[in-house]
C-alpha atoms as a PDB file:
ATOM      1  CA  UNK A   1       0.149   0.042   0.240  1.00  0.00           C
ATOM      2  CA  UNK A   2       2.700   2.390   1.096  1.00  0.00           C
ATOM      3  CA  UNK A   3       4.573   1.865  -2.453  1.00  0.00           C
ATOM      4  CA  UNK A   4       1.453   2.382  -4.292  1.00  0.00           C
ATOM      5  CA  UNK A   5       0.708   5.811  -2.251  1.00  0.00           C
ATOM      6  CA  UNK A   6       3.888   6.957  -2.994  1.00  0.00           C
ATOM      7  CA  UNK A   7       3.979   6.126  -6.922  1.00  0.00           C
ATOM      8  CA  UNK A   8       0.290   8.329  -6.622  1.00  0.00           C
ATOM      9  CA  UNK A   9       2.117  11.199  -5.065  1.00  0.00           C
ATOM     10  CA  UNK A  10       4.950  11.289  -7.655  1.00  0.00           C
ATOM     11  CA  UNK A  11       2.950  10.981 -10.152  1.00  0.00           C
ATOM     12  CA  UNK A  12       0.667  14.206  -9.089  1.00  0.00           C
ATOM     13  CA  UNK A  13       3.711  15.946  -8.521  1.00  0.00           C
ATOM     14  CA  UNK A  14       5.140  15.103 -11.929  1.00  0.00           C
ATOM     15  CA  UNK A  15       1.767  16.476 -13.594  1.00  0.00           C
ATOM     16  CA  UNK A  16       1.271  20.052 -13.870  1.00  0.00           C
ATOM     17  CA  UNK A  17      -2.104  21.702 -15.059  1.00  0.00           C
ATOM     18  CA  UNK A  18      -1.485  20.576 -18.821  1.00  0.00           C
ATOM     19  CA  UNK A  19      -0.025  16.860 -19.158  1.00  0.00           C
ATOM     20  CA  UNK A  20       1.104  16.657 -22.824  1.00  0.00           C
ATOM     21  CA  UNK A  21       2.412  13.099 -23.907  1.00  0.00           C
ATOM     22  CA  UNK A  22       5.947  14.350 -24.138  1.00  0.00           C
ATOM     23  CA  UNK A  23       5.916  15.460 -20.367  1.00  0.00           C
ATOM     24  CA  UNK A  24       4.386  11.849 -19.185  1.00  0.00           C
ATOM     25  CA  UNK A  25       7.450  10.302 -20.781  1.00  0.00           C
ATOM     26  CA  UNK A  26       9.820  12.238 -19.072  1.00  0.00           C
ATOM     27  CA  UNK A  27      11.672  10.343 -16.272  1.00  0.00           C
ATOM     28  CA  UNK A  28      14.225  10.901 -13.741  1.00  0.00           C
ATOM     29  CA  UNK A  29      16.472   8.698 -15.677  1.00  0.00           C
ATOM     30  CA  UNK A  30      17.267  11.285 -17.932  1.00  0.00           C
ATOM     31  CA  UNK A  31      17.002  13.924 -15.595  1.00  0.00           C
ATOM     32  CA  UNK A  32      20.033  16.225 -15.008  1.00  0.00           C
ATOM     33  CA  UNK A  33      21.548  17.113 -11.496  1.00  0.00           C
ATOM     34  CA  UNK A  34      19.343  19.834  -9.822  1.00  0.00           C
ATOM     35  CA  UNK A  35      19.511  21.731  -6.625  1.00  0.00           C
ATOM     36  CA  UNK A  36      16.476  22.944  -4.860  1.00  0.00           C
ATOM     37  CA  UNK A  37      16.805  25.478  -2.096  1.00  0.00           C
ATOM     38  CA  UNK A  38      13.734  25.763   0.409  1.00  0.00           C
ATOM     39  CA  UNK A  39      14.050  29.015   2.670  1.00  0.00           C
ATOM     40  CA  UNK A  40      11.987  28.708   5.497  1.00  0.00           C
ATOM     41  CA  UNK A  41      11.928  24.891   5.461  1.00  0.00           C
ATOM     42  CA  UNK A  42      11.170  24.079   9.062  1.00  0.00           C
ATOM     43  CA  UNK A  43       7.471  26.537   9.046  1.00  0.00           C
ATOM     44  CA  UNK A  44       4.183  25.400   8.434  1.00  0.00           C
ATOM     45  CA  UNK A  45       4.649  25.299   4.744  1.00  0.00           C
ATOM     46  CA  UNK A  46       8.325  24.641   4.518  1.00  0.00           C
ATOM     47  CA  UNK A  47       8.224  21.149   6.073  1.00  0.00           C
ATOM     48  CA  UNK A  48       5.436  19.250   3.900  1.00  0.00           C
ATOM     49  CA  UNK A  49       6.994  21.473   0.955  1.00  0.00           C
ATOM     50  CA  UNK A  50      10.163  19.698   1.961  1.00  0.00           C
ATOM     51  CA  UNK A  51       8.535  16.410   2.054  1.00  0.00           C
ATOM     52  CA  UNK A  52       7.040  16.984  -1.361  1.00  0.00           C
ATOM     53  CA  UNK A  53      10.087  17.990  -3.050  1.00  0.00           C
ATOM     54  CA  UNK A  54      11.759  14.991  -1.403  1.00  0.00           C
ATOM     55  CA  UNK A  55       9.488  12.824  -3.294  1.00  0.00           C
ATOM     56  CA  UNK A  56       9.986  14.369  -6.800  1.00  0.00           C
ATOM     57  CA  UNK A  57      12.653  12.524  -8.830  1.00  0.00           C
ATOM     58  CA  UNK A  58      13.933  15.589 -10.700  1.00  0.00           C
ATOM     59  CA  UNK A  59      15.556  16.922  -7.458  1.00  0.00           C
ATOM     60  CA  UNK A  60      19.046  15.492  -6.803  1.00  0.00           C
ATOM     61  CA  UNK A  61      20.074  17.949  -3.965  1.00  0.00           C
ATOM     62  CA  UNK A  62      17.377  19.390  -1.717  1.00  0.00           C
ATOM     63  CA  UNK A  63      18.911  22.296   0.390  1.00  0.00           C
ATOM     64  CA  UNK A  64      16.782  23.186   3.212  1.00  0.00           C
ATOM     65  CA  UNK A  65      16.906  26.494   5.212  1.00  0.00           C
ATOM     66  CA  UNK A  66      15.590  28.334   8.194  1.00  0.00           C
ATOM     67  CA  UNK A  67      16.354  30.590  11.244  1.00  0.00           C
ATOM     68  CA  UNK A  68      16.054  27.580  13.765  1.00  0.00           C
ATOM     69  CA  UNK A  69      14.665  24.001  13.466  1.00  0.00           C
ATOM     70  CA  UNK A  70      16.367  22.840  10.205  1.00  0.00           C
ATOM     71  CA  UNK A  71      18.414  20.098  11.515  1.00  0.00           C
ATOM     72  CA  UNK A  72      15.420  17.999  12.856  1.00  0.00           C
ATOM     73  CA  UNK A  73      13.291  18.189   9.236  1.00  0.00           C
ATOM     74  CA  UNK A  74      16.235  17.634   7.079  1.00  0.00           C
ATOM     75  CA  UNK A  75      17.095  14.748   9.194  1.00  0.00           C
ATOM     76  CA  UNK A  76      13.464  13.548   9.018  1.00  0.00           C
ATOM     77  CA  UNK A  77      13.089  14.026   5.389  1.00  0.00           C
ATOM     78  CA  UNK A  78      16.587  12.550   4.737  1.00  0.00           C
ATOM     79  CA  UNK A  79      15.488   9.262   5.746  1.00  0.00           C
ATOM     80  CA  UNK A  80      13.049   8.701   2.754  1.00  0.00           C
ATOM     81  CA  UNK A  81      14.268   6.648  -0.114  1.00  0.00           C
ATOM     82  CA  UNK A  82      14.179   8.720  -3.022  1.00  0.00           C
ATOM     83  CA  UNK A  83      16.828  10.228  -5.104  1.00  0.00           C
ATOM     84  CA  UNK A  84      17.996  13.799  -3.845  1.00  0.00           C
ATOM     85  CA  UNK A  85      20.358  14.168  -0.889  1.00  0.00           C
ATOM     86  CA  UNK A  86      19.341  16.194   2.055  1.00  0.00           C
ATOM     87  CA  UNK A  87      21.102  19.058   4.047  1.00  0.00           C
ATOM     88  CA  UNK A  88      19.896  21.245   6.373  1.00  0.00           C
ATOM     89  CA  UNK A  89      21.142  24.726   7.186  1.00  0.00           C
ATOM     90  CA  UNK A  90      20.409  26.988  10.055  1.00  0.00           C
ATOM     91  CA  UNK A  91      20.889  30.686  10.988  1.00  0.00           C
ATOM     92  CA  UNK A  92      21.954  33.757   9.057  1.00  0.00           C
ATOM     93  CA  UNK A  93      25.860  32.536   9.064  1.00  0.00           C
ATOM     94  CA  UNK A  94      24.844  29.618   6.908  1.00  0.00           C
ATOM     95  CA  UNK A  95      22.357  30.792   4.384  1.00  0.00           C
ATOM     96  CA  UNK A  96      25.017  31.344   1.618  1.00  0.00           C
ATOM     97  CA  UNK A  97      26.051  27.686   2.014  1.00  0.00           C
ATOM     98  CA  UNK A  98      22.187  26.631   1.829  1.00  0.00           C
ATOM     99  CA  UNK A  99      21.888  28.674  -1.420  1.00  0.00           C
ATOM    100  CA  UNK A 100      25.360  27.832  -3.683  1.00  0.00           C
ATOM    101  CA  UNK A 101      24.687  26.488  -6.742  1.00  0.00           C
ATOM    102  CA  UNK A 102      20.694  26.427  -6.588  1.00  0.00           C
ATOM    103  CA  UNK A 103      18.703  25.934  -9.857  1.00  0.00           C
ATOM    104  CA  UNK A 104      15.598  26.961  -8.048  1.00  0.00           C
ATOM    105  CA  UNK A 105      15.053  28.758  -4.582  1.00  0.00           C
ATOM    106  CA  UNK A 106      11.283  28.263  -3.064  1.00  0.00           C
ATOM    107  CA  UNK A 107      10.563  31.131  -0.508  1.00  0.00           C
ATOM    108  CA  UNK A 108       7.867  30.149   1.852  1.00  0.00           C
ATOM    109  CA  UNK A 109       9.475  32.101   4.673  1.00  0.00           C
ATOM    110  CA  UNK A 110       7.441  34.434   6.654  1.00  0.00           C
ATOM    111  CA  UNK A 111       4.908  34.435   9.392  1.00  0.00           C
ATOM    112  CA  UNK A 112       1.654  32.983   8.549  1.00  0.00           C
ATOM    113  CA  UNK A 113      -1.841  34.771   8.810  1.00  0.00           C
ATOM    114  CA  UNK A 114      -4.115  34.521  12.002  1.00  0.00           C
ATOM    115  CA  UNK A 115      -7.899  35.124  12.174  1.00  0.00           C
ATOM    116  CA  UNK A 116      -8.419  38.641  11.868  1.00  0.00           C
ATOM    117  CA  UNK A 117      -5.436  39.610   9.938  1.00  0.00           C
ATOM    118  CA  UNK A 118      -5.414  40.449   6.447  1.00  0.00           C
ATOM    119  CA  UNK A 119      -2.607  39.972   3.829  1.00  0.00           C
ATOM    120  CA  UNK A 120      -1.694  43.473   4.461  1.00  0.00           C
ATOM    121  CA  UNK A 121      -0.928  43.140   7.910  1.00  0.00           C
ATOM    122  CA  UNK A 122       1.754  40.801   7.001  1.00  0.00           C
ATOM    123  CA  UNK A 123       3.473  43.211   5.228  1.00  0.00           C
ATOM    124  CA  UNK A 124       6.138  44.915   7.410  1.00  0.00           C
ATOM    125  CA  UNK A 125       7.430  41.520   8.760  1.00  0.00           C
ATOM    126  CA  UNK A 126       7.750  39.249   5.438  1.00  0.00           C
ATOM    127  CA  UNK A 127       8.765  42.002   3.464  1.00  0.00           C
ATOM    128  CA  UNK A 128      12.159  42.361   5.387  1.00  0.00           C
ATOM    129  CA  UNK A 129      12.472  38.758   5.717  1.00  0.00           C
ATOM    130  CA  UNK A 130      12.030  38.625   1.753  1.00  0.00           C
ATOM    131  CA  UNK A 131      14.237  41.630   1.529  1.00  0.00           C
ATOM    132  CA  UNK A 132      17.218  40.082   3.122  1.00  0.00           C
ATOM    133  CA  UNK A 133      16.608  36.380   1.715  1.00  0.00           C
ATOM    134  CA  UNK A 134      16.738  38.123  -1.839  1.00  0.00           C
ATOM    135  CA  UNK A 135      19.963  40.009  -1.366  1.00  0.00           C
ATOM    136  CA  UNK A 136      21.728  36.406  -0.472  1.00  0.00           C
ATOM    137  CA  UNK A 137      20.467  35.002  -3.632  1.00  0.00           C
ATOM    138  CA  UNK A 138      21.955  38.070  -5.608  1.00  0.00           C
ATOM    139  CA  UNK A 139      25.430  36.635  -3.841  1.00  0.00           C
ATOM    140  CA  UNK A 140      25.036  33.079  -4.231  1.00  0.00           C
ATOM    141  CA  UNK A 141      22.919  31.905  -6.728  1.00  0.00           C
ATOM    142  CA  UNK A 142      22.113  35.032  -8.913  1.00  0.00           C
ATOM    143  CA  UNK A 143      20.805  32.756 -11.822  1.00  0.00           C
ATOM    144  CA  UNK A 144      18.261  30.841  -9.725  1.00  0.00           C
ATOM    145  CA  UNK A 145      14.861  30.332 -10.467  1.00  0.00           C
ATOM    146  CA  UNK A 146      13.073  32.075  -7.677  1.00  0.00           C
ATOM    147  CA  UNK A 147       9.751  30.796  -6.595  1.00  0.00           C
ATOM    148  CA  UNK A 148       8.047  33.611  -4.104  1.00  0.00           C
ATOM    149  CA  UNK A 149       5.577  32.089  -1.392  1.00  0.00           C
ATOM    150  CA  UNK A 150       5.824  34.534   1.049  1.00  0.00           C
ATOM    151  CA  UNK A 151       2.677  36.824   1.629  1.00  0.00           C
ATOM    152  CA  UNK A 152       1.689  39.470   0.275  1.00  0.00           C
ATOM    153  CA  UNK A 153       3.124  37.680  -2.977  1.00  0.00           C
ATOM    154  CA  UNK A 154       1.402  40.821  -4.848  1.00  0.00           C
ATOM    155  CA  UNK A 155       4.219  43.262  -2.979  1.00  0.00           C
ATOM    156  CA  UNK A 156       6.993  40.809  -2.301  1.00  0.00           C
ATOM    157  CA  UNK A 157       7.768  39.928  -5.872  1.00  0.00           C
ATOM    158  CA  UNK A 158       8.245  43.571  -6.852  1.00  0.00           C
ATOM    159  CA  UNK A 159      10.525  43.680  -3.679  1.00  0.00           C
ATOM    160  CA  UNK A 160      12.849  41.135  -4.938  1.00  0.00           C
ATOM    161  CA  UNK A 161      12.920  42.647  -8.350  1.00  0.00           C
ATOM    162  CA  UNK A 162      14.174  45.696  -6.563  1.00  0.00           C
ATOM    163  CA  UNK A 163      16.588  44.121  -5.066  1.00  0.00           C
ATOM    164  CA  UNK A 164      17.915  41.903  -7.644  1.00  0.00           C
ATOM    165  CA  UNK A 165      18.246  45.344  -9.828  1.00  0.00           C
ATOM    166  CA  UNK A 166      20.224  47.311  -7.290  1.00  0.00           C
ATOM    167  CA  UNK A 167      22.315  44.119  -7.313  1.00  0.00           C
ATOM    168  CA  UNK A 168      22.850  44.100 -10.808  1.00  0.00           C
ATOM    169  CA  UNK A 169      21.458  40.567 -11.334  1.00  0.00           C
ATOM    170  CA  UNK A 170      17.843  41.081 -12.022  1.00  0.00           C
ATOM    171  CA  UNK A 171      16.335  38.606 -14.928  1.00  0.00           C
ATOM    172  CA  UNK A 172      12.466  39.018 -15.364  1.00  0.00           C
ATOM    173  CA  UNK A 173      12.186  35.519 -16.769  1.00  0.00           C
ATOM    174  CA  UNK A 174      13.686  33.839 -13.212  1.00  0.00           C
ATOM    175  CA  UNK A 175      11.366  35.698 -10.826  1.00  0.00           C
ATOM    176  CA  UNK A 176       7.787  33.894 -10.154  1.00  0.00           C
ATOM    177  CA  UNK A 177       4.996  34.959  -7.698  1.00  0.00           C
ATOM    178  CA  UNK A 178       3.444  31.643  -6.854  1.00  0.00           C
ATOM    179  CA  UNK A 179      -0.088  31.728  -7.409  1.00  0.00           C
ATOM    180  CA  UNK A 180      -0.835  28.001  -7.990  1.00  0.00           C
ATOM    181  CA  UNK A 181      -2.839  27.975  -4.676  1.00  0.00           C
ATOM    182  CA  UNK A 182      -5.640  29.729  -6.560  1.00  0.00           C
ATOM    183  CA  UNK A 183      -5.590  27.600  -9.517  1.00  0.00           C
ATOM    184  CA  UNK A 184      -5.487  24.512  -7.416  1.00  0.00           C
ATOM    185  CA  UNK A 185      -8.528  26.007  -5.608  1.00  0.00           C
ATOM    186  CA  UNK A 186     -10.413  26.770  -8.589  1.00  0.00           C
ATOM    187  CA  UNK A 187      -9.996  23.691 -10.122  1.00  0.00           C
ATOM    188  CA  UNK A 188     -11.472  21.673  -6.952  1.00  0.00           C
ATOM    189  CA  UNK A 189     -14.376  24.287  -6.434  1.00  0.00           C
ATOM    190  CA  UNK A 190     -15.552  24.067 -10.007  1.00  0.00           C
ATOM    191  CA  UNK A 191     -15.065  20.515 -10.351  1.00  0.00           C
ATOM    192  CA  UNK A 192     -17.201  20.076  -6.961  1.00  0.00           C
ATOM    193  CA  UNK A 193     -19.941  22.463  -8.782  1.00  0.00           C
ATOM    194  CA  UNK A 194     -19.926  20.944 -12.135  1.00  0.00           C
ATOM    195  CA  UNK A 195     -19.900  17.476 -10.930  1.00  0.00           C
ATOM    196  CA  UNK A 196     -17.007  16.715 -13.478  1.00  0.00           C
ATOM    197  CA  UNK A 197     -13.490  14.524 -12.471  1.00  0.00           C
ATOM    198  CA  UNK A 198     -11.239  17.006 -10.708  1.00  0.00           C
ATOM    199  CA  UNK A 199      -8.238  15.222 -12.440  1.00  0.00           C
ATOM    200  CA  UNK A 200      -9.109  16.385 -15.903  1.00  0.00           C
ATOM    201  CA  UNK A 201     -10.077  19.995 -14.839  1.00  0.00           C
ATOM    202  CA  UNK A 202      -8.162  23.340 -15.971  1.00  0.00           C
ATOM    203  CA  UNK A 203      -8.858  26.372 -14.905  1.00  0.00           C
ATOM    204  CA  UNK A 204      -6.856  29.799 -15.579  1.00  0.00           C
ATOM    205  CA  UNK A 205      -6.435  32.317 -12.925  1.00  0.00           C
ATOM    206  CA  UNK A 206      -5.132  35.548 -13.507  1.00  0.00           C
ATOM    207  CA  UNK A 207      -4.681  39.345 -11.707  1.00  0.00           C
ATOM    208  CA  UNK A 208      -2.689  38.879  -8.331  1.00  0.00           C
ATOM    209  CA  UNK A 209      -2.777  36.681  -5.247  1.00  0.00           C
ATOM    210  CA  UNK A 210      -4.846  38.378  -2.507  1.00  0.00           C
ATOM    211  CA  UNK A 211      -8.688  38.851  -2.298  1.00  0.00           C
ATOM    212  CA  UNK A 212     -10.037  40.547  -5.345  1.00  0.00           C
ATOM    213  CA  UNK A 213      -6.754  40.614  -7.421  1.00  0.00           C
ATOM    214  CA  UNK A 214      -7.463  36.694  -7.682  1.00  0.00           C
ATOM    215  CA  UNK A 215      -9.608  36.561 -11.049  1.00  0.00           C
ATOM    216  CA  UNK A 216     -10.196  32.765 -12.028  1.00  0.00           C
ATOM    217  CA  UNK A 217     -11.409  32.450 -15.775  1.00  0.00           C
ATOM    218  CA  UNK A 218     -14.312  29.996 -15.258  1.00  0.00           C
ATOM    219  CA  UNK A 219     -15.368  30.923 -18.853  1.00  0.00           C
ATOM    220  CA  UNK A 220     -12.118  29.279 -20.105  1.00  0.00           C
ATOM    221  CA  UNK A 221     -12.395  26.052 -17.643  1.00  0.00           C
ATOM    222  CA  UNK A 222     -12.064  22.780 -19.521  1.00  0.00           C
ATOM    223  CA  UNK A 223     -14.213  20.706 -19.604  1.00  0.00           C
ATOM    224  CA  UNK A 224     -16.670  23.421 -19.960  1.00  0.00           C
ATOM    225  CA  UNK A 225     -19.785  23.035 -17.859  1.00  0.00           C
ATOM    226  CA  UNK A 226     -22.907  24.589 -19.120  1.00  0.00           C
ATOM    227  CA  UNK A 227     -24.706  23.778 -16.300  1.00  0.00           C
ATOM    228  CA  UNK A 228     -23.385  26.322 -13.737  1.00  0.00           C
ATOM    229  CA  UNK A 229     -25.842  29.403 -13.604  1.00  0.00           C
ATOM    230  CA  UNK A 230     -24.309  33.094 -13.453  1.00  0.00           C
ATOM    231  CA  UNK A 231     -24.754  33.361  -9.412  1.00  0.00           C
ATOM    232  CA  UNK A 232     -23.072  30.042  -9.096  1.00  0.00           C
ATOM    233  CA  UNK A 233     -20.124  31.424 -11.224  1.00  0.00           C
ATOM    234  CA  UNK A 234     -20.271  34.543  -8.857  1.00  0.00           C
ATOM    235  CA  UNK A 235     -20.029  32.241  -5.687  1.00  0.00           C
ATOM    236  CA  UNK A 236     -17.403  30.256  -7.246  1.00  0.00           C
ATOM    237  CA  UNK A 237     -15.349  33.045  -7.760  1.00  0.00           C
ATOM    238  CA  UNK A 238     -15.704  34.614  -4.402  1.00  0.00           C
ATOM    239  CA  UNK A 239     -14.624  31.292  -2.622  1.00  0.00           C
ATOM    240  CA  UNK A 240     -11.897  31.064  -4.875  1.00  0.00           C
ATOM    241  CA  UNK A 241     -10.889  34.701  -3.838  1.00  0.00           C
ATOM    242  CA  UNK A 242     -11.683  33.980  -0.096  1.00  0.00           C
ATOM    243  CA  UNK A 243      -9.998  30.306   0.156  1.00  0.00           C
ATOM    244  CA  UNK A 244      -7.311  31.446   2.267  1.00  0.00           C
ATOM    245  CA  UNK A 245      -9.614  33.017   4.873  1.00  0.00           C
ATOM    246  CA  UNK A 246     -11.948  30.140   4.953  1.00  0.00           C
ATOM    247  CA  UNK A 247      -8.992  28.068   6.069  1.00  0.00           C
ATOM    248  CA  UNK A 248      -7.944  30.918   8.636  1.00  0.00           C
ATOM    249  CA  UNK A 249     -11.261  30.684  10.234  1.00  0.00           C
ATOM    250  CA  UNK A 250     -11.609  26.785   9.780  1.00  0.00           C
ATOM    251  CA  UNK A 251      -8.321  26.254  11.807  1.00  0.00           C
ATOM    252  CA  UNK A 252      -9.747  28.836  14.421  1.00  0.00           C
ATOM    253  CA  UNK A 253      -6.293  30.533  15.610  1.00  0.00           C
ATOM    254  CA  UNK A 254      -4.131  27.481  14.753  1.00  0.00           C
ATOM    255  CA  UNK A 255      -2.735  28.246  11.478  1.00  0.00           C
ATOM    256  CA  UNK A 256      -3.668  29.076   7.817  1.00  0.00           C
ATOM    257  CA  UNK A 257      -3.267  27.412   4.456  1.00  0.00           C
ATOM    258  CA  UNK A 258      -0.144  25.265   4.884  1.00  0.00           C
ATOM    259  CA  UNK A 259      -0.811  21.846   3.006  1.00  0.00           C
ATOM    260  CA  UNK A 260      -2.616  23.225   0.096  1.00  0.00           C
ATOM    261  CA  UNK A 261       0.241  25.893  -0.081  1.00  0.00           C
ATOM    262  CA  UNK A 262       2.948  23.404   0.081  1.00  0.00           C
ATOM    263  CA  UNK A 263       1.152  20.914  -2.601  1.00  0.00           C
ATOM    264  CA  UNK A 264       0.593  24.220  -4.838  1.00  0.00           C
ATOM    265  CA  UNK A 265       4.166  25.302  -4.072  1.00  0.00           C
ATOM    266  CA  UNK A 266       5.548  21.623  -4.894  1.00  0.00           C
ATOM    267  CA  UNK A 267       3.442  21.644  -8.189  1.00  0.00           C
ATOM    268  CA  UNK A 268       5.044  24.837  -9.848  1.00  0.00           C
ATOM    269  CA  UNK A 269       8.358  23.944  -8.493  1.00  0.00           C
ATOM    270  CA  UNK A 270       7.973  20.853 -10.756  1.00  0.00           C
ATOM    271  CA  UNK A 271       6.887  22.817 -13.508  1.00  0.00           C
ATOM    272  CA  UNK A 272      10.210  25.075 -13.397  1.00  0.00           C
ATOM    273  CA  UNK A 273      12.723  21.967 -13.231  1.00  0.00           C
ATOM    274  CA  UNK A 274      10.387  20.216 -16.221  1.00  0.00           C
ATOM    275  CA  UNK A 275      11.062  23.740 -17.971  1.00  0.00           C
ATOM    276  CA  UNK A 276      14.890  23.737 -16.833  1.00  0.00           C
ATOM    277  CA  UNK A 277      15.271  20.213 -18.671  1.00  0.00           C
ATOM    278  CA  UNK A 278      13.855  20.834 -21.418  1.00  0.00           C
ATOM    279  CA  UNK A 279      10.529  19.212 -21.561  1.00  0.00           C
ATOM    280  CA  UNK A 280       8.316  20.853 -23.942  1.00  0.00           C
ATOM    281  CA  UNK A 281       4.943  22.923 -23.308  1.00  0.00           C
ATOM    282  CA  UNK A 282       4.876  23.482 -19.687  1.00  0.00           C
ATOM    283  CA  UNK A 283       2.486  25.843 -18.620  1.00  0.00           C
ATOM    284  CA  UNK A 284       1.380  27.241 -15.340  1.00  0.00           C
ATOM    285  CA  UNK A 285      -0.174  30.260 -14.277  1.00  0.00           C
ATOM    286  CA  UNK A 286       2.384  32.527 -12.139  1.00  0.00           C
ATOM    287  CA  UNK A 287       2.527  36.425 -11.248  1.00  0.00           C
ATOM    288  CA  UNK A 288       5.570  37.729 -13.158  1.00  0.00           C
ATOM    289  CA  UNK A 289       6.667  40.758 -15.003  1.00  0.00           C
ATOM    290  CA  UNK A 290       4.358  41.432 -17.923  1.00  0.00           C
ATOM    291  CA  UNK A 291       3.010  43.464 -20.533  1.00  0.00           C
ATOM    292  CA  UNK A 292      -0.562  41.900 -20.396  1.00  0.00           C
ATOM    293  CA  UNK A 293      -1.968  44.645 -18.764  1.00  0.00           C
ATOM    294  CA  UNK A 294      -0.507  48.486 -17.891  1.00  0.00           C
ATOM    295  CA  UNK A 295       0.672  47.004 -14.517  1.00  0.00           C
ATOM    296  CA  UNK A 296       4.497  45.868 -14.375  1.00  0.00           C
ATOM    297  CA  UNK A 297       3.740  42.558 -12.882  1.00  0.00           C
ATOM    298  CA  UNK A 298       0.550  40.311 -13.529  1.00  0.00           C
ATOM    299  CA  UNK A 299      -0.577  36.641 -12.889  1.00  0.00           C
ATOM    300  CA  UNK A 300      -1.364  34.767 -16.283  1.00  0.00           C
ATOM    301  CA  UNK A 301      -0.331  31.524 -17.986  1.00  0.00           C
ATOM    302  CA  UNK A 302       3.575  31.405 -18.617  1.00  0.00           C
ATOM    303  CA  UNK A 303       5.107  28.925 -20.776  1.00  0.00           C
ATOM    304  CA  UNK A 304       8.088  27.756 -18.686  1.00  0.00           C
ATOM    305  CA  UNK A 305      11.737  26.784 -20.371  1.00  0.00           C
ATOM    306  CA  UNK A 306      15.468  26.858 -20.145  1.00  0.00           C
ATOM    307  CA  UNK A 307      15.511  30.052 -19.057  1.00  0.00           C
ATOM    308  CA  UNK A 308      12.528  30.587 -17.110  1.00  0.00           C
ATOM    309  CA  UNK A 309       9.839  32.440 -18.487  1.00  0.00           C
ATOM    310  CA  UNK A 310       9.676  31.502 -22.429  1.00  0.00           C
ATOM    311  CA  UNK A 311       6.759  33.403 -22.846  1.00  0.00           C
ATOM    312  CA  UNK A 312       3.880  35.423 -21.119  1.00  0.00           C
ATOM    313  CA  UNK A 313       0.671  34.684 -22.466  1.00  0.00           C
ATOM    314  CA  UNK A 314      -2.353  37.013 -23.092  1.00  0.00           C
ATOM    315  CA  UNK A 315      -5.681  36.660 -20.965  1.00  0.00           C
ATOM    316  CA  UNK A 316      -8.053  35.234 -23.998  1.00  0.00           C
ATOM    317  CA  UNK A 317     -11.493  36.018 -24.388  1.00  0.00           C
ATOM    318  CA  UNK A 318     -12.981  37.231 -20.804  1.00  0.00           C
ATOM    319  CA  UNK A 319     -16.720  37.621 -20.856  1.00  0.00           C
ATOM    320  CA  UNK A 320     -18.476  40.896 -19.150  1.00  0.00           C
ATOM    321  CA  UNK A 321     -18.290  39.357 -15.415  1.00  0.00           C
ATOM    322  CA  UNK A 322     -14.402  38.791 -16.190  1.00  0.00           C
ATOM    323  CA  UNK A 323     -13.784  42.213 -17.524  1.00  0.00           C
ATOM    324  CA  UNK A 324     -15.578  43.650 -14.633  1.00  0.00           C
ATOM    325  CA  UNK A 325     -13.290  41.716 -12.192  1.00  0.00           C
ATOM    326  CA  UNK A 326     -10.166  42.788 -14.317  1.00  0.00           C
ATOM    327  CA  UNK A 327     -11.295  46.471 -13.958  1.00  0.00           C
ATOM    328  CA  UNK A 328     -12.040  46.167 -10.085  1.00  0.00           C
ATOM    329  CA  UNK A 329      -8.554  44.453  -9.436  1.00  0.00           C
ATOM    330  CA  UNK A 330      -6.320  46.709 -11.453  1.00  0.00           C
ATOM    331  CA  UNK A 331      -6.288  49.659  -8.583  1.00  0.00           C
ATOM    332  CA  UNK A 332      -5.740  47.452  -5.638  1.00  0.00           C
ATOM    333  CA  UNK A 333      -3.287  45.273  -7.675  1.00  0.00           C
ATOM    334  CA  UNK A 334      -1.091  48.460  -8.531  1.00  0.00           C
ATOM    335  CA  UNK A 335      -0.894  50.048  -5.156  1.00  0.00           C
ATOM    336  CA  UNK A 336       0.265  46.797  -3.871  1.00  0.00           C
ATOM    337  CA  UNK A 337       3.106  46.571  -6.193  1.00  0.00           C
ATOM    338  CA  UNK A 338       3.872  50.055  -5.830  1.00  0.00           C
ATOM    339  CA  UNK A 339       3.668  49.561  -1.769  1.00  0.00           C
ATOM    340  CA  UNK A 340       6.499  46.606  -2.582  1.00  0.00           C
ATOM    341  CA  UNK A 341       8.631  48.928  -4.694  1.00  0.00           C
ATOM    342  CA  UNK A 342       8.408  51.698  -2.373  1.00  0.00           C
ATOM    343  CA  UNK A 343       9.558  49.445   0.515  1.00  0.00           C
ATOM    344  CA  UNK A 344      12.436  48.008  -1.053  1.00  0.00           C
ATOM    345  CA  UNK A 345      13.887  51.597  -1.986  1.00  0.00           C
ATOM    346  CA  UNK A 346      13.128  53.145   1.174  1.00  0.00           C
ATOM    347  CA  UNK A 347      16.722  52.023   2.758  1.00  0.00           C
END
């Protein structure tokens, strides 16, 4: 039973949103050496994310970093009989060693959201953490693909871009805000309401990664369900936007969305690794530097490749409800982006 379960987990991780035949046949036998570093590995997201990345056959070296608790997490995860070698690093003085030679850096570091706390409340603490970690990335692995999970993503991605620009290492193709959890939620909620198998569902989610800036495009969902009313689409949109709050309230003060976020982070990191390794047609939604709207950053479908972002894809046809949602989110997303840039440049 354990073997079957492990195969199932590996299989789900190896499949991103689209699973072209070429991608399905790609195996670890042909995979090059790849180092993945997780910054914040001992936290609520970091621990399950470390487990999931240990299960990924595309990872040859797994570097776990946190300010405390990392040796225990690393020892625990290292006993799992999969390909990657695991090393844990603890404390500021070991951050450079953790990052050296990394191909992909995943950043879930920061404090979690608590009941009554908005994503904006997280800003000052997490912004400072992100700024420090990104400064280290510029020194030790400036060419890594950076997957930003730390909230508020709408601001932390712009912060990272400014840090990288100041250091002369910024490459817009290598910086990603991980919005995959919004896609995961939209797929799950849509499949449940439309009564279709969730494994075959795809729903693009564009905009940002907080509240109304999250815009699921259910008009582009596949398979298309014609049995959903306008009211049901509005409710699905609202639930996708409020998914994080739903979990925070359900955990009653004891945490936020850690397990589902770890899963989403592992899915996106897997897509990045596939892209680096030359797997064709790897497409995921992500918050990246973009010309899709007038804003400098925006989440939409992105084609991943050997250099990170190969192509930022357009929004496609939007219905009237989605056009209204797009207009409504732009001012709020603009404000969050500007707040991140201002924070990065104030000192």
